[in-house]
């Protein structure tokens, strides 16, 4: 697994994001809804949006499948929307990932990007001691009354005969893998020139700002 930290300070500053009141209570898996598998596009686009996840998964600038984290994991994102009973953006807050869709006709890409998502979810479960049952799709969040009416990523998974139950089963198989074996941190620094914040000082400043408070 390859993780790139590319904190989007525009999202953080302009949306008055707040620290989670406790650890993340689960994970929401989304897919982006249109054909563009490149994380750089979605990270750049997120600068001007009011809704965005914690991370995107797709091709990096070297066309390697990667996780690109755009905000720290300890703050609330704005991505799943509001349902009948509230929102899993907050109270309780879930970590949220967007899998970058392609044409949905390339099984090799599908397998690769979902494998990355499965590994990333297993890593998050290990870090925060989460059950795989706390991994849900946007569709499942909506059906439970805690998100807006979208059907992702099941409409994509269905093409290849898979379900969120299959996804959770695969995550469960990885939960005994050590963090060291499960994660490789990338040194990529130029996915979006000018505002990727991999520099140690800027990352520290951003994370320090969310050491207090809660949402």
Protein backbone atom coordinates (compact mmCIF):
# COMPACT_ATOMS: atom_id res chain seq x y z
CA UNK A 1 0.00 0.00 0.00
CA UNK A 2 1.21 3.49 -0.88
CA UNK A 3 0.07 6.53 1.14
CA UNK A 4 0.72 10.13 0.10
CA UNK A 5 -0.07 12.96 2.50
CA UNK A 6 -1.31 15.91 0.45
CA UNK A 7 -3.16 18.05 2.95
CA UNK A 8 -5.52 20.49 1.31
CA UNK A 9 -5.27 23.57 3.50
CA UNK A 10 -7.96 25.31 1.46
CA UNK A 11 -10.46 22.66 2.60
CA UNK A 12 -9.30 22.92 6.18
CA UNK A 13 -9.25 26.71 6.39
CA UNK A 14 -12.33 27.65 4.37
CA UNK A 15 -14.69 25.07 5.86
CA UNK A 16 -13.96 25.61 9.56
CA UNK A 17 -13.32 21.93 10.12
CA UNK A 18 -13.14 20.64 13.67
CA UNK A 19 -11.44 17.84 15.51
CA UNK A 20 -13.35 14.60 16.06
CA UNK A 21 -14.74 14.34 19.58
CA UNK A 22 -13.21 10.85 19.86
CA UNK A 23 -11.52 8.35 17.59
CA UNK A 24 -13.19 7.58 14.24
CA UNK A 25 -16.14 5.27 14.82
CA UNK A 26 -16.00 3.62 11.41
CA UNK A 27 -15.16 3.97 7.72
CA UNK A 28 -17.33 4.99 4.78
CA UNK A 29 -16.33 3.80 1.31
CA UNK A 30 -17.43 6.00 -1.60
CA UNK A 31 -16.69 6.09 -5.33
CA UNK A 32 -16.39 9.31 -7.26
CA UNK A 33 -19.20 8.84 -9.78
CA UNK A 34 -17.46 9.65 -13.07
CA UNK A 35 -14.57 8.55 -15.27
CA UNK A 36 -11.31 10.00 -13.97
CA UNK A 37 -9.04 7.56 -12.13
CA UNK A 38 -6.31 10.11 -11.36
CA UNK A 39 -6.10 11.27 -7.75
CA UNK A 40 -4.44 14.54 -8.75
CA UNK A 41 -7.61 15.67 -10.53
CA UNK A 42 -9.82 14.96 -7.53
CA UNK A 43 -7.41 16.45 -5.00
CA UNK A 44 -7.18 19.65 -7.05
CA UNK A 45 -10.95 19.80 -7.54
CA UNK A 46 -11.53 19.34 -3.81
CA UNK A 47 -9.92 22.72 -3.12
CA UNK A 48 -13.07 24.47 -4.34
CA UNK A 49 -15.72 22.13 -2.95
CA UNK A 50 -17.65 22.11 0.30
CA UNK A 51 -17.83 18.30 0.31
CA UNK A 52 -14.72 16.11 0.36
CA UNK A 53 -13.43 12.91 2.03
CA UNK A 54 -10.35 12.21 4.11
CA UNK A 55 -8.64 10.47 1.19
CA UNK A 56 -8.84 9.51 -2.48
CA UNK A 57 -7.63 6.21 -3.92
CA UNK A 58 -6.59 5.91 -7.57
CA UNK A 59 -3.64 6.58 -9.85
CA UNK A 60 -0.91 8.91 -8.61
CA UNK A 61 1.29 10.97 -10.95
CA UNK A 62 3.39 7.86 -11.71
CA UNK A 63 0.22 5.88 -12.52
CA UNK A 64 0.66 3.81 -9.39
CA UNK A 65 -2.40 3.02 -7.29
CA UNK A 66 -2.08 5.13 -4.15
CA UNK A 67 -4.01 6.53 -1.21
CA UNK A 68 -3.87 10.33 -1.12
CA UNK A 69 -4.87 11.77 2.25
CA UNK A 70 -6.08 15.36 1.95
CA UNK A 71 -7.05 16.15 5.56
CA UNK A 72 -5.82 14.70 8.88
CA UNK A 73 -7.68 11.65 10.13
CA UNK A 74 -8.56 13.26 13.46
CA UNK A 75 -10.84 15.92 11.98
CA UNK A 76 -14.35 15.63 10.57
CA UNK A 77 -14.69 15.63 6.81
CA UNK A 78 -17.83 16.61 4.87
CA UNK A 79 -18.75 13.96 2.36
CA UNK A 80 -21.64 11.59 3.13
CA UNK A 81 -24.33 14.26 3.54
CA UNK A 82 -27.32 14.17 5.87
CA UNK A 83 -30.01 11.52 6.13
CA UNK A 84 -33.19 11.00 8.11
CA UNK A 85 -31.35 10.47 11.40
CA UNK A 86 -28.28 12.65 10.90
CA UNK A 87 -24.87 12.29 9.32
CA UNK A 88 -21.82 10.07 9.71
CA UNK A 89 -19.68 13.10 8.88
CA UNK A 90 -19.94 13.83 12.62
CA UNK A 91 -21.67 12.58 15.79
CA UNK A 92 -20.37 9.92 15.29
CA UNK A 93 -17.62 10.86 12.84
CA UNK A 94 -16.43 8.29 10.30
CA UNK A 95 -13.25 8.29 8.22
CA UNK A 96 -14.25 8.51 4.56
CA UNK A 97 -12.48 7.46 1.38
CA UNK A 98 -13.37 8.04 -2.27
CA UNK A 99 -12.29 5.41 -4.79
CA UNK A 100 -11.62 7.11 -8.12
CA UNK A 101 -13.78 5.57 -10.83
CA UNK A 102 -12.59 4.88 -14.36
CA UNK A 103 -14.86 3.87 -17.26
CA UNK A 104 -15.95 0.88 -15.13
CA UNK A 105 -14.93 -1.37 -18.02
CA UNK A 106 -11.38 -2.21 -16.84
CA UNK A 107 -11.42 -5.14 -14.43
CA UNK A 108 -7.68 -4.89 -13.81
CA UNK A 109 -8.05 -1.31 -12.57
CA UNK A 110 -11.08 -2.26 -10.50
CA UNK A 111 -9.21 -5.11 -8.83
CA UNK A 112 -6.15 -2.98 -8.14
CA UNK A 113 -7.93 0.06 -6.73
CA UNK A 114 -10.27 -1.98 -4.54
CA UNK A 115 -7.35 -4.04 -3.25
CA UNK A 116 -5.71 -0.78 -2.20
CA UNK A 117 -8.94 0.29 -0.50
CA UNK A 118 -9.18 -3.05 1.31
CA UNK A 119 -5.60 -2.75 2.57
CA UNK A 120 -6.16 0.84 3.65
CA UNK A 121 -9.34 -0.08 5.53
CA UNK A 122 -7.51 -2.94 7.27
CA UNK A 123 -4.78 -0.51 8.27
CA UNK A 124 -7.34 1.96 9.68
CA UNK A 125 -9.11 -0.84 11.57
CA UNK A 126 -5.80 -1.88 13.13
CA UNK A 127 -4.88 1.67 14.10
CA UNK A 128 -8.24 2.53 15.70
CA UNK A 129 -9.32 -0.96 16.80
CA UNK A 130 -12.41 -0.91 14.58
CA UNK A 131 -14.56 -3.87 13.62
CA UNK A 132 -15.05 -4.64 9.95
CA UNK A 133 -18.76 -4.25 10.64
CA UNK A 134 -18.08 -0.53 11.05
CA UNK A 135 -17.07 -0.31 7.38
CA UNK A 136 -20.04 0.83 5.31
CA UNK A 137 -20.67 2.19 1.84
CA UNK A 138 -22.33 5.52 1.07
CA UNK A 139 -25.36 3.49 -0.02
CA UNK A 140 -25.49 1.68 3.33
CA UNK A 141 -25.09 4.94 5.25
CA UNK A 142 -28.05 6.37 3.33
CA UNK A 143 -30.17 3.25 3.91
CA UNK A 144 -29.44 3.48 7.65
CA UNK A 145 -30.58 7.12 7.64
CA UNK A 146 -27.17 8.76 8.07
CA UNK A 147 -26.28 10.03 4.61
CA UNK A 148 -27.59 11.46 1.36
CA UNK A 149 -29.21 9.31 -1.32
CA UNK A 150 -26.34 7.85 -3.32
CA UNK A 151 -25.67 4.25 -4.38
CA UNK A 152 -21.87 4.18 -4.44
CA UNK A 153 -19.79 2.15 -4.67
CA UNK A 154 -22.16 -0.81 -5.06
CA UNK A 155 -23.24 0.09 -8.59
CA UNK A 156 -19.60 -0.32 -9.64
CA UNK A 157 -18.98 -3.45 -7.54
CA UNK A 158 -22.09 -5.07 -8.96
CA UNK A 159 -20.57 -5.07 -12.45
CA UNK A 160 -17.96 -7.56 -11.21
CA UNK A 161 -20.29 -9.59 -9.02
CA UNK A 162 -19.10 -8.15 -5.71
CA UNK A 163 -20.80 -6.60 -2.70
CA UNK A 164 -19.83 -4.70 0.44
CA UNK A 165 -20.09 -8.01 2.30
CA UNK A 166 -17.30 -9.33 0.07
CA UNK A 167 -15.32 -6.15 0.77
CA UNK A 168 -15.64 -6.53 4.54
CA UNK A 169 -14.69 -10.21 4.35
CA UNK A 170 -11.49 -9.31 2.52
CA UNK A 171 -10.64 -6.62 5.07
CA UNK A 172 -11.18 -9.13 7.88
CA UNK A 173 -8.56 -11.44 6.37
CA UNK A 174 -5.94 -8.70 6.61
CA UNK A 175 -6.57 -7.53 10.15
CA UNK A 176 -3.75 -9.60 11.63
CA UNK A 177 -1.18 -8.08 9.29
CA UNK A 178 1.22 -5.80 11.17
CA UNK A 179 1.19 -2.07 10.46
CA UNK A 180 4.78 -2.29 9.23
CA UNK A 181 3.88 -4.91 6.65
CA UNK A 182 0.58 -3.30 5.68
CA UNK A 183 1.79 0.19 4.89
CA UNK A 184 4.51 1.85 2.87
CA UNK A 185 4.71 5.63 3.12
CA UNK A 186 5.42 7.37 -0.15
CA UNK A 187 7.91 10.21 -0.51
CA UNK A 188 6.03 11.70 -3.47
CA UNK A 189 6.07 15.49 -3.16
CA UNK A 190 4.66 16.94 -6.37
CA UNK A 191 1.23 15.46 -6.97
CA UNK A 192 -0.21 19.00 -6.94
CA UNK A 193 2.71 21.48 -7.14
CA UNK A 194 2.42 24.48 -4.88
CA UNK A 195 0.23 23.19 -2.06
CA UNK A 196 1.01 19.56 -1.30
CA UNK A 197 2.06 19.69 2.33
CA UNK A 198 4.56 16.88 2.76
CA UNK A 199 7.14 19.25 4.21
CA UNK A 200 7.63 18.30 7.85
CA UNK A 201 7.10 21.81 9.22
CA UNK A 202 3.82 22.41 7.38
CA UNK A 203 2.45 18.97 8.28
CA UNK A 204 3.31 19.55 11.92
CA UNK A 205 1.64 22.95 11.91
CA UNK A 206 -1.52 21.54 10.32
CA UNK A 207 -1.78 18.59 12.72
CA UNK A 208 -0.99 20.73 15.75
CA UNK A 209 -3.95 22.98 14.97
CA UNK A 210 -6.30 20.04 15.61
CA UNK A 211 -4.85 18.89 18.92
CA UNK A 212 -7.75 20.47 20.83
CA UNK A 213 -11.47 20.93 20.38
CA UNK A 214 -14.07 18.56 18.95
CA UNK A 215 -17.07 18.25 16.69
